[in-house]
Amino acid sequence: MADQITKRSVNYSQWYNDLVVKADLAEQSPVRGCMVIKPYGYAIWEKMQRVLDAKFKETGAQNAYFPLFIPKSFFSREAEHVAGFAKECAVVTHHRLMNDPEGKGVVVDPSSKLEEELIVRPTSETIIWSTYKNWIKSWRDLPIMCNQWANVVRWEMRTRLFLRTAEFLWQEGHTAHATSEEAQAEARTMVEVYADFARNYMAMPVIVGHKSPNERFAGALDTLTIEAMMQDGKALQAGTSHFLGQNFAKSFDVQYADKEGKLQYVWATSWGVSTRLMGALVMAHGDDNGLVLPPELAPIEVVMVPIYKTEEEHSAIIAKMNQVKSALEAAGHSVKIDDRDTLRPGFKFAEWELKGVPVRLAIGGRDLQNGTVEVHRRDTLEKTTISIDGVDKFIEDLLVAIQKNIYAKAMAFRDSRIQKCDSWEEFKEKIQQGYFLLCHWDGTAETEQKIKDETKATIRCIPVDSVVCKEEGVDIYSGKPSHERVVFAISY
């Protein structure tokens, strides 16, 4: 099966596309720019959802749902916000179809034109803040901390499964607070939630930092981000958390009476991650044999493949596998016995390797006699034969080791591709080779744009709590004074 996947060294982009399709994660849909997420891919997304949903609720957030359609007039109330999304919006103009009078199928009924066009949700700040106006009257109503799991539409011209599609799945949190300090603390809390998830569940090292003004979310006063390095050295924005100030509160007149009875505008945040994380998981860890899934997010953590010659042997092996399966499931692990009799064991091995299952067990007739089992770990492709007694405890420890090893490997790769840079000539060379470069920046949008125009590199973030970046110097491009280094990279 690995022969059906382009090698990373040959064409990394094609490798990614091949792997997403061949591993049964997703496929193109009949609608241009949209995708079908297949059951195996959606099972990974569901595990992501479960973990993140629990983490959000630990911070006090509650789930809600808001409309898919947003009146066009709502977008006119926040100029910077609408400017950021205007070119990506899908617009509903009519509400009815009719049979074509000339018998050519169905057409839009011209008499069904809407009085006001509706925008298909690209993000929900406007519809949510129009709702919060009805919910917030007093300081007692604050804070409001809502999250919704939903789909959004952003009309992309160049699409790629999971990384950039016209419709995608995500969660978006929207909170309202009495003070600026509370809102900024919430934005910081949520970006740290995302960073923890990326590191400890996705096994993906990330850099936490502030976006430059050019790269901020439309309508935000500050955007915090987690930036990850993919195996081609490009950056991927894996999650963002925004401090929105009072912009949306003022646009939608959301005020509360404080303890002295004085009216105050509330302070806002929004934060989100999307199915783009699925693409990150593939690109951060996959190899030329297929997916490499961290156990924490693998739909199947352990797959068992019986190897037998007779029905009697088959029955005895399956009975033994069921014992191991029960023990592992009791410990909270997901296990599958692949007992399909239409496929040879070698084909099954290749299929589960392609799909990234962390651990594979094989038991044959000789193993049954000797009381052994063959254990194969996906991250290193190493095989070992151990006693069947105590195999459940061995596998539990192995899954922990695999999770740590996948993270360590990704971290070692990133460390090998991140460095300080003080020469413009070196910058132009290294950035094209797939490096994260820590460079001085003079803080101006003009310099940032010139660097982007000449190299396609952008400021991925201004790192938070980074001693390495806090130093005086001169801008890599303009030569003007700089007080800290920022992270430059070419991104997805």
Protein backbone atom coordinates (compact mmCIF):
# COMPACT_ATOMS: atom_id res chain seq x y z
CA MET A 1 0.00 0.00 0.00
CA ALA A 2 2.88 2.38 0.70
CA ASP A 3 3.77 2.05 -3.00
CA GLN A 4 0.57 3.96 -3.78
CA ILE A 5 1.80 6.99 -1.83
CA THR A 6 4.27 9.49 -3.29
CA LYS A 7 7.47 9.69 -1.25
CA ARG A 8 7.90 12.82 0.84
CA SER A 9 11.31 13.43 -0.69
CA VAL A 10 9.83 13.35 -4.21
CA ASN A 11 6.81 15.62 -3.75
CA TYR A 12 5.75 16.52 -0.23
CA SER A 13 2.50 18.13 -1.34
CA GLN A 14 1.45 15.08 -3.35
CA TRP A 15 2.49 12.80 -0.47
CA TYR A 16 0.06 14.66 1.76
CA ASN A 17 -2.80 14.47 -0.76
CA ASP A 18 -2.16 10.76 -1.41
CA LEU A 19 -2.02 9.95 2.29
CA VAL A 20 -5.24 11.76 3.23
CA VAL A 21 -7.12 9.83 0.52
CA LYS A 22 -5.43 6.42 0.81
CA ALA A 23 -5.71 6.35 4.61
CA ASP A 24 -9.47 6.92 4.31
CA LEU A 25 -9.48 10.26 6.08
CA ALA A 26 -11.31 12.32 3.45
CA GLU A 27 -12.05 12.73 -0.23
CA GLN A 28 -13.14 15.45 -2.61
CA SER A 29 -16.88 16.10 -2.78
CA PRO A 30 -19.10 16.87 -5.79
CA VAL A 31 -19.17 20.48 -4.57
CA ARG A 32 -16.03 22.30 -5.63
CA GLY A 33 -13.77 23.15 -2.72
CA CYS A 34 -15.64 21.01 -0.20
CA MET A 35 -14.72 17.62 1.24
CA VAL A 36 -16.27 14.43 2.52
CA ILE A 37 -14.75 13.44 5.85
CA LYS A 38 -14.82 9.64 5.90
CA PRO A 39 -15.61 7.59 9.03
CA TYR A 40 -11.97 6.91 9.96
CA GLY A 41 -11.08 10.57 9.59
CA TYR A 42 -14.17 11.69 11.46
CA ALA A 43 -13.35 9.28 14.30
CA ILE A 44 -10.08 11.17 14.82
CA TRP A 45 -11.96 14.49 14.77
CA GLU A 46 -14.41 13.11 17.34
CA LYS A 47 -11.54 12.25 19.70
CA MET A 48 -10.22 15.77 19.26
CA GLN A 49 -13.68 17.15 20.00
CA ARG A 50 -14.12 15.09 23.16
CA VAL A 51 -10.80 16.18 24.63
CA LEU A 52 -11.17 19.84 23.73
CA ASP A 53 -14.82 20.01 24.77
CA ALA A 54 -13.92 18.75 28.24
CA LYS A 55 -11.07 21.25 28.50
CA PHE A 56 -13.33 24.13 27.48
CA LYS A 57 -15.90 23.19 30.10
CA GLU A 58 -13.19 23.05 32.75
CA THR A 59 -12.63 26.78 32.10
CA GLY A 60 -16.35 27.51 32.56
CA ALA A 61 -17.45 27.56 28.92
CA GLN A 62 -20.85 26.16 27.92
CA ASN A 63 -21.93 24.88 24.53
CA ALA A 64 -24.61 26.70 22.54
CA TYR A 65 -25.63 27.01 18.90
CA PHE A 66 -26.21 30.08 16.76
CA PRO A 67 -27.69 30.44 13.25
CA LEU A 68 -25.83 29.50 10.08
CA PHE A 69 -27.28 32.52 8.25
CA ILE A 70 -26.31 36.08 9.18
CA PRO A 71 -28.10 39.21 7.90
CA LYS A 72 -25.82 41.21 5.63
CA SER A 73 -26.47 44.37 7.66
CA PHE A 74 -24.78 42.80 10.69
CA PHE A 75 -21.47 42.76 8.85
CA SER A 76 -21.76 46.46 8.08
CA ARG A 77 -21.57 47.34 11.76
CA GLU A 78 -17.90 46.39 12.25
CA ALA A 79 -15.92 47.80 9.33
CA GLU A 80 -12.59 46.06 9.98
CA HIS A 81 -14.31 42.73 10.53
CA VAL A 82 -16.30 42.85 7.28
CA ALA A 83 -13.22 43.95 5.34
CA GLY A 84 -11.39 40.87 6.57
CA PHE A 85 -14.05 38.47 5.30
CA ALA A 86 -15.78 40.28 2.43
CA LYS A 87 -14.02 38.37 -0.36
CA GLU A 88 -14.72 34.98 1.26
CA CYS A 89 -18.46 35.25 1.92
CA ALA A 90 -21.11 33.07 0.30
CA VAL A 91 -24.37 35.00 -0.06
CA VAL A 92 -27.98 33.71 -0.12
CA THR A 93 -30.14 35.95 -2.30
CA HIS A 94 -33.31 33.86 -2.95
CA HIS A 95 -35.38 31.41 -0.92
CA ARG A 96 -37.17 29.28 -3.53
CA LEU A 97 -36.68 27.20 -6.69
CA MET A 98 -39.21 26.54 -9.45
CA ASN A 99 -39.53 24.33 -12.50
CA ASP A 100 -38.02 25.92 -15.57
CA PRO A 101 -40.89 27.05 -17.86
CA GLU A 102 -38.82 25.75 -20.78
CA GLY A 103 -38.52 22.32 -19.16
CA LYS A 104 -34.80 22.55 -18.37
CA GLY A 105 -34.90 21.32 -14.77
CA VAL A 106 -35.18 23.81 -11.94
CA VAL A 107 -34.28 27.50 -11.77
CA VAL A 108 -34.29 30.17 -9.08
CA ASP A 109 -37.74 31.70 -8.71
CA PRO A 110 -37.13 35.41 -9.47
CA SER A 111 -40.07 36.38 -7.24
CA SER A 112 -38.37 34.80 -4.18
CA LYS A 113 -35.64 37.41 -3.82
CA LEU A 114 -34.88 38.11 -0.16
CA GLU A 115 -35.43 41.61 1.18
CA GLU A 116 -32.01 41.38 2.80
CA GLU A 117 -29.31 38.97 1.65
CA LEU A 118 -28.04 36.41 4.15
CA ILE A 119 -24.35 35.58 4.61
CA VAL A 120 -23.46 31.93 5.18
CA ARG A 121 -21.50 31.99 8.44
CA PRO A 122 -17.75 32.63 7.88
CA THR A 123 -17.45 33.22 11.65
CA SER A 124 -20.09 34.12 14.21
CA GLU A 125 -19.03 37.29 16.05
CA THR A 126 -21.79 39.42 14.53
CA ILE A 127 -24.72 37.04 15.06
CA ILE A 128 -23.55 36.19 18.58
CA TRP A 129 -23.07 39.78 19.68
CA SER A 130 -26.52 40.69 18.39
CA THR A 131 -27.78 37.89 20.68
CA TYR A 132 -25.62 38.87 23.67
CA LYS A 133 -27.32 42.28 23.63
CA ASN A 134 -30.50 40.48 24.77
CA TRP A 135 -28.69 38.45 27.42
CA ILE A 136 -26.58 41.13 29.10
CA LYS A 137 -28.17 43.84 31.23
CA SER A 138 -26.25 43.83 34.52
CA TRP A 139 -22.82 42.97 35.92
CA ARG A 140 -24.58 39.90 37.38
CA ASP A 141 -24.98 38.51 33.85
CA LEU A 142 -21.22 38.43 33.30
CA PRO A 143 -19.11 36.69 32.27
CA ILE A 144 -20.83 34.87 29.42
CA MET A 145 -18.69 32.05 28.05
CA CYS A 146 -20.21 30.20 25.10
CA ASN A 147 -18.69 27.77 22.65
CA GLN A 148 -20.26 26.24 19.58
CA TRP A 149 -19.25 23.28 17.42
CA ALA A 150 -20.27 24.16 13.91
CA ASN A 151 -19.39 24.42 10.23
CA VAL A 152 -18.35 27.62 8.49
CA VAL A 153 -17.98 28.69 4.87
CA ARG A 154 -15.10 30.74 3.50
CA TRP A 155 -15.08 30.77 -0.28
CA GLU A 156 -11.55 29.61 -1.09
CA MET A 157 -10.23 29.54 -4.64
CA ARG A 158 -7.34 27.13 -4.04
CA THR A 159 -8.40 24.29 -1.77
CA ARG A 160 -6.68 21.37 -0.10
CA LEU A 161 -8.26 18.64 2.01
CA PHE A 162 -8.38 19.69 5.68
CA LEU A 163 -5.90 22.56 5.25
CA ARG A 164 -8.06 24.92 3.20
CA THR A 165 -11.60 24.10 2.10
CA ALA A 166 -14.64 26.22 1.30
CA GLU A 167 -16.54 24.57 4.15
CA PHE A 168 -14.89 23.19 7.26
CA LEU A 169 -15.75 22.13 10.80
CA TRP A 170 -14.57 23.97 13.87
CA GLN A 171 -15.38 25.24 17.30
CA GLU A 172 -15.65 28.91 18.11
CA GLY A 173 -15.75 30.29 21.62
CA HIS A 174 -17.19 33.75 22.29
CA THR A 175 -16.97 35.33 25.72
CA ALA A 176 -18.14 38.59 27.28
CA HIS A 177 -16.48 40.15 30.35
CA ALA A 178 -16.86 43.13 32.64
CA THR A 179 -13.24 44.29 32.33
CA SER A 180 -10.43 44.39 29.82
CA GLU A 181 -8.19 42.49 32.22
CA GLU A 182 -10.66 39.59 32.49
CA ALA A 183 -11.02 39.36 28.71
CA GLN A 184 -7.28 39.42 28.09
CA ALA A 185 -6.77 36.74 30.74
CA GLU A 186 -9.42 34.61 29.02
CA ALA A 187 -7.70 34.96 25.65
CA ARG A 188 -4.41 33.86 27.22
CA THR A 189 -6.07 30.95 29.05
CA MET A 190 -7.58 29.59 25.86
CA VAL A 191 -4.42 29.76 23.77
CA GLU A 192 -2.70 27.79 26.54
CA VAL A 193 -5.53 25.22 26.38
CA TYR A 194 -4.80 24.84 22.67
CA ALA A 195 -1.05 24.59 23.30
CA ASP A 196 -1.59 21.89 25.92
CA PHE A 197 -3.81 19.94 23.54
CA ALA A 198 -1.31 20.22 20.68
CA ARG A 199 1.62 19.09 22.82
CA ASN A 200 0.05 16.40 24.98
CA TYR A 201 -2.55 14.90 22.65
CA MET A 202 -1.38 15.70 19.12
CA ALA A 203 2.28 15.19 20.18
CA MET A 204 3.02 18.35 18.23
CA PRO A 205 5.37 21.03 19.61
CA VAL A 206 4.04 24.55 19.13
CA ILE A 207 5.23 28.09 19.71
CA VAL A 208 2.81 30.38 21.57
CA GLY A 209 2.87 34.03 20.65
CA HIS A 210 1.11 37.20 19.55
CA LYS A 211 0.29 37.86 15.91
CA SER A 212 1.65 41.03 14.36
CA PRO A 213 -0.98 43.69 13.54
CA ASN A 214 -0.90 42.62 9.88
CA GLU A 215 -1.69 39.02 10.77
CA ARG A 216 -4.35 39.60 13.44
CA PHE A 217 -7.92 38.39 13.18
CA ALA A 218 -10.14 40.98 11.51
CA GLY A 219 -11.56 43.20 14.26
CA ALA A 220 -9.23 42.01 17.05
CA LEU A 221 -6.99 44.18 19.24
CA ASP A 222 -4.71 41.20 19.87
CA THR A 223 -4.46 37.68 18.47
CA LEU A 224 -2.64 34.88 20.24
CA THR A 225 -1.63 31.86 18.19
CA ILE A 226 -0.03 28.43 18.36
CA GLU A 227 2.34 27.84 15.44
CA ALA A 228 3.55 24.37 14.46
CA MET A 229 6.26 23.24 12.06
CA MET A 230 5.38 20.65 9.45
CA GLN A 231 7.92 18.19 8.03
CA ASP A 232 8.61 20.40 5.02
CA GLY A 233 9.62 23.22 7.36
CA LYS A 234 6.53 25.30 6.70
CA ALA A 235 4.48 26.80 9.51
CA LEU A 236 0.87 25.94 10.20
CA GLN A 237 -1.34 28.13 12.35
CA ALA A 238 -3.00 25.51 14.52
CA GLY A 239 -5.25 27.60 16.77
CA THR A 240 -5.97 31.23 17.65
CA SER A 241 -7.42 33.19 20.55
CA HIS A 242 -8.46 36.82 20.10
CA PHE A 243 -8.91 39.78 22.44
CA LEU A 244 -11.62 41.79 20.69
CA GLY A 245 -11.71 44.73 23.08
CA GLN A 246 -15.07 46.55 22.96
CA ASN A 247 -15.35 46.69 19.17
CA PHE A 248 -18.26 44.29 18.84
CA ALA A 249 -19.92 45.47 22.05
CA LYS A 250 -20.00 49.01 20.68
CA SER A 251 -21.10 47.89 17.21
CA PHE A 252 -24.07 46.02 18.68
CA ASP A 253 -24.61 48.29 21.71
CA VAL A 254 -23.97 45.59 24.32
CA GLN A 255 -23.81 47.37 27.69
CA TYR A 256 -24.24 46.36 31.29
CA ALA A 257 -25.04 48.26 34.46
CA ASP A 258 -22.07 48.04 36.83
CA LYS A 259 -22.36 47.85 40.63
CA GLU A 260 -22.76 51.63 40.78
CA GLY A 261 -25.53 51.51 38.17
CA LYS A 262 -23.38 53.09 35.46
CA LEU A 263 -23.62 51.68 31.92
CA GLN A 264 -20.42 50.10 30.59
CA TYR A 265 -19.58 48.34 27.34
CA VAL A 266 -18.48 44.74 27.82
CA TRP A 267 -15.14 43.29 26.72
CA ALA A 268 -14.90 40.34 24.34
CA THR A 269 -12.84 37.38 23.23
CA SER A 270 -13.19 34.71 20.58
CA TRP A 271 -11.12 31.57 20.05
CA GLY A 272 -11.15 28.57 17.74
CA VAL A 273 -9.55 25.53 16.16
CA SER A 274 -10.75 23.64 13.11
CA THR A 275 -10.40 20.45 11.08
CA ARG A 276 -7.13 22.01 9.93
CA LEU A 277 -5.75 20.13 12.97
CA MET A 278 -6.37 16.94 11.00
CA GLY A 279 -3.99 18.17 8.32
CA ALA A 280 -1.46 19.11 10.98
CA LEU A 281 -1.61 15.61 12.45
CA VAL A 282 -0.85 14.08 9.05
CA MET A 283 1.97 16.46 8.13
CA ALA A 284 3.66 16.59 11.53
CA HIS A 285 4.05 12.82 11.99
CA GLY A 286 3.28 10.84 8.83
CA ASP A 287 6.01 8.94 6.99
CA ASP A 288 6.42 7.19 3.64
CA ASN A 289 4.46 4.18 4.95
CA GLY A 290 1.40 6.23 5.96
CA LEU A 291 -0.06 7.89 9.01
CA VAL A 292 1.67 7.85 12.38
CA LEU A 293 -1.05 8.56 14.94
CA PRO A 294 -0.36 9.50 18.57
CA PRO A 295 -2.18 6.96 20.77
CA GLU A 296 -4.14 9.76 22.48
CA LEU A 297 -5.96 10.51 19.20
CA ALA A 298 -5.91 7.16 17.39
CA PRO A 299 -9.42 5.76 16.78
CA ILE A 300 -7.89 2.29 17.13
CA GLU A 301 -4.91 2.12 19.50
CA VAL A 302 -4.28 -1.61 19.13
CA VAL A 303 -5.15 -3.88 16.22
CA MET A 304 -4.82 -7.66 16.44
CA VAL A 305 -4.28 -9.88 13.41
CA PRO A 306 -4.74 -13.68 13.75
CA ILE A 307 -2.57 -15.98 11.61
CA TYR A 308 -3.92 -19.51 11.33
CA LYS A 309 -4.12 -22.59 9.14
CA THR A 310 -7.07 -24.49 10.60
CA GLU A 311 -10.44 -23.54 12.05
CA GLU A 312 -9.44 -25.08 15.37
CA GLU A 313 -6.33 -22.92 15.46
CA HIS A 314 -8.40 -19.89 14.47
CA SER A 315 -10.89 -20.40 17.30
CA ALA A 316 -8.14 -20.76 19.90
CA ILE A 317 -6.31 -17.62 18.68
CA ILE A 318 -9.48 -15.50 18.64
CA ALA A 319 -10.33 -16.68 22.17
CA LYS A 320 -6.90 -15.57 23.38
CA MET A 321 -7.19 -12.25 21.53
CA ASN A 322 -10.56 -11.56 23.12
CA GLN A 323 -8.98 -11.99 26.55
CA VAL A 324 -6.31 -9.41 25.74
CA LYS A 325 -8.90 -7.12 24.14
CA SER A 326 -11.11 -7.20 27.23
CA ALA A 327 -8.20 -6.37 29.52
CA LEU A 328 -7.10 -3.42 27.37
CA GLU A 329 -10.63 -2.07 26.94
CA ALA A 330 -11.12 -2.25 30.69
CA ALA A 331 -8.10 0.06 30.96
CA GLY A 332 -9.75 2.50 28.52
CA HIS A 333 -7.99 1.59 25.28
CA SER A 334 -9.60 1.09 21.87
CA VAL A 335 -8.88 -2.32 20.36
CA LYS A 336 -9.87 -4.06 17.14
CA ILE A 337 -9.49 -7.73 16.14
CA ASP A 338 -9.12 -7.88 12.35
CA ASP A 339 -10.73 -11.23 11.65
CA ARG A 340 -11.59 -10.62 8.00
CA ASP A 341 -11.20 -13.90 6.16
CA THR A 342 -11.05 -12.29 2.70
CA LEU A 343 -7.60 -10.72 3.19
CA ARG A 344 -4.17 -12.18 3.80
CA PRO A 345 -2.32 -11.15 7.01
CA GLY A 346 0.31 -9.23 5.02
CA PHE A 347 -2.35 -7.05 3.42
CA LYS A 348 -3.86 -6.35 6.83
CA PHE A 349 -0.46 -5.39 8.23
CA ALA A 350 0.05 -2.91 5.38
CA GLU A 351 -3.45 -1.44 5.75
CA TRP A 352 -3.17 -0.77 9.48
CA GLU A 353 0.35 0.59 9.03
CA LEU A 354 -1.03 3.01 6.41
CA LYS A 355 -3.78 4.07 8.83
CA GLY A 356 -1.27 4.75 11.59
CA VAL A 357 -2.56 2.38 14.29
CA PRO A 358 0.04 2.73 17.10
CA VAL A 359 0.34 -0.97 18.05
CA ARG A 360 -0.24 -4.15 16.07
CA LEU A 361 -0.35 -7.61 17.61
CA ALA A 362 -0.05 -10.82 15.64
CA ILE A 363 -0.67 -14.31 17.03
CA GLY A 364 -0.10 -17.46 15.01
CA GLY A 365 -0.24 -21.17 15.73
CA ARG A 366 3.35 -21.29 16.97
CA ASP A 367 2.72 -18.27 19.22
CA LEU A 368 -0.24 -20.13 20.68
CA GLN A 369 1.95 -23.12 21.51
CA ASN A 370 4.74 -20.98 22.95
CA GLY A 371 2.48 -18.54 24.80
CA THR A 372 3.89 -15.55 22.88
CA VAL A 373 2.67 -12.63 20.78
CA GLU A 374 4.42 -10.47 18.17
CA VAL A 375 4.20 -6.73 18.95
CA HIS A 376 4.78 -4.11 16.25
CA ARG A 377 4.98 -0.40 17.06
CA ARG A 378 4.04 2.01 14.29
CA ASP A 379 6.27 4.94 15.28
CA THR A 380 9.58 3.05 14.91
CA LEU A 381 8.37 0.02 12.85
CA GLU A 382 10.12 -2.21 15.41
CA LYS A 383 8.89 -5.72 16.15
CA THR A 384 9.36 -7.75 19.31
CA THR A 385 8.04 -11.07 20.57
CA ILE A 386 6.93 -11.22 24.19
CA SER A 387 5.06 -13.55 26.51
CA ILE A 388 1.29 -13.37 26.17
CA ASP A 389 1.08 -13.24 29.97
CA GLY A 390 1.04 -9.62 31.04
CA VAL A 391 0.82 -8.35 27.45
CA ASP A 392 -1.92 -5.88 28.45
CA LYS A 393 0.38 -4.12 30.93
CA PHE A 394 3.23 -4.18 28.38
CA ILE A 395 1.00 -2.52 25.78
CA GLU A 396 -0.26 0.11 28.21
CA ASP A 397 3.34 1.14 28.92
CA LEU A 398 4.19 0.94 25.22
CA LEU A 399 1.37 3.32 24.26
CA VAL A 400 2.72 5.88 26.72
CA ALA A 401 6.21 5.43 25.29
CA ILE A 402 4.95 5.84 21.72
CA GLN A 403 3.12 9.07 22.58
CA LYS A 404 6.30 10.50 24.13
CA ASN A 405 8.51 9.30 21.29
CA ILE A 406 6.33 10.86 18.58
CA TYR A 407 6.50 14.20 20.39
CA ALA A 408 10.25 13.91 20.96
CA LYS A 409 10.83 13.17 17.28
CA ALA A 410 8.76 16.18 16.19
CA MET A 411 10.55 18.39 18.71
CA ALA A 412 13.98 17.22 17.56
CA PHE A 413 13.03 17.99 13.96
CA ARG A 414 11.79 21.46 14.86
CA ASP A 415 14.90 22.18 16.92
CA SER A 416 17.02 21.27 13.89
CA ARG A 417 15.10 23.78 11.74
CA ILE A 418 14.84 26.80 14.03
CA GLN A 419 17.67 29.28 14.45
CA LYS A 420 18.59 32.91 14.91
CA CYS A 421 19.33 34.86 11.75
CA ASP A 422 20.88 38.34 11.41
CA SER A 423 21.83 38.39 7.72
CA TRP A 424 19.33 39.28 4.99
CA GLU A 425 21.16 37.13 2.45
CA GLU A 426 21.15 34.16 4.83
CA PHE A 427 17.47 34.84 5.57
CA LYS A 428 16.51 34.59 1.89
CA GLU A 429 18.37 31.31 1.55
CA LYS A 430 17.27 29.63 4.78
CA ILE A 431 13.62 30.63 4.58
CA GLN A 432 13.26 28.81 1.25
CA GLN A 433 14.85 25.71 2.76
CA GLY A 434 12.10 25.40 5.37
CA TYR A 435 13.41 27.07 8.52
CA PHE A 436 11.78 28.97 11.36
CA LEU A 437 14.03 32.02 11.65
CA LEU A 438 14.25 34.14 14.81
CA CYS A 439 14.92 37.61 13.47
CA HIS A 440 14.80 41.19 14.65
CA TRP A 441 11.88 43.25 13.33
CA ASP A 442 11.48 47.02 13.57
CA GLY A 443 7.77 46.72 14.38
CA THR A 444 6.48 48.39 11.21
CA ALA A 445 3.87 46.95 8.86
CA GLU A 446 5.83 48.34 5.90
CA THR A 447 8.92 46.23 6.64
CA GLU A 448 6.80 43.18 7.34
CA GLN A 449 5.03 43.54 3.99
CA LYS A 450 8.26 44.07 2.04
CA ILE A 451 9.73 40.88 3.53
CA LYS A 452 6.58 39.00 2.60
CA ASP A 453 6.59 40.38 -0.96
CA GLU A 454 10.22 39.39 -1.53
CA THR A 455 10.28 35.96 0.17
CA LYS A 456 6.66 34.89 0.93
CA ALA A 457 7.71 34.66 4.58
CA THR A 458 5.44 36.13 7.25
CA ILE A 459 5.78 36.83 10.93
CA ARG A 460 4.21 33.73 12.43
CA CYS A 461 4.24 35.14 15.94
CA ILE A 462 5.97 37.31 18.50
CA PRO A 463 6.79 34.59 21.05
CA VAL A 464 5.39 34.74 24.57
CA ASP A 465 7.73 34.14 27.54
CA SER A 466 10.74 33.57 25.30
CA VAL A 467 14.02 34.65 26.88
CA VAL A 468 15.77 33.86 23.59
CA CYS A 469 13.87 36.61 21.76
CA LYS A 470 14.19 39.39 24.34
CA GLU A 471 17.28 41.24 23.16
CA GLU A 472 18.28 44.44 21.43
CA GLY A 473 19.32 44.39 17.78
CA VAL A 474 18.55 45.73 14.30
CA ASP A 475 15.84 44.72 11.84
CA ILE A 476 16.86 41.94 9.43
CA TYR A 477 15.60 43.98 6.44
CA SER A 478 15.49 47.70 7.27
CA GLY A 479 18.42 47.90 9.70
CA LYS A 480 16.32 49.97 12.10
CA PRO A 481 16.48 49.36 15.88
CA SER A 482 14.59 46.34 17.29
CA HIS A 483 13.88 45.25 20.84
CA GLU A 484 13.11 41.58 20.24
CA ARG A 485 13.17 38.76 17.75
CA VAL A 486 10.07 37.37 16.06
CA VAL A 487 9.42 34.07 14.25
CA PHE A 488 9.48 34.24 10.46
CA ALA A 489 8.49 31.30 8.26
CA ILE A 490 6.66 30.42 5.07
CA SER A 491 3.25 29.11 6.03
CA TYR A 492 0.30 27.08 4.81
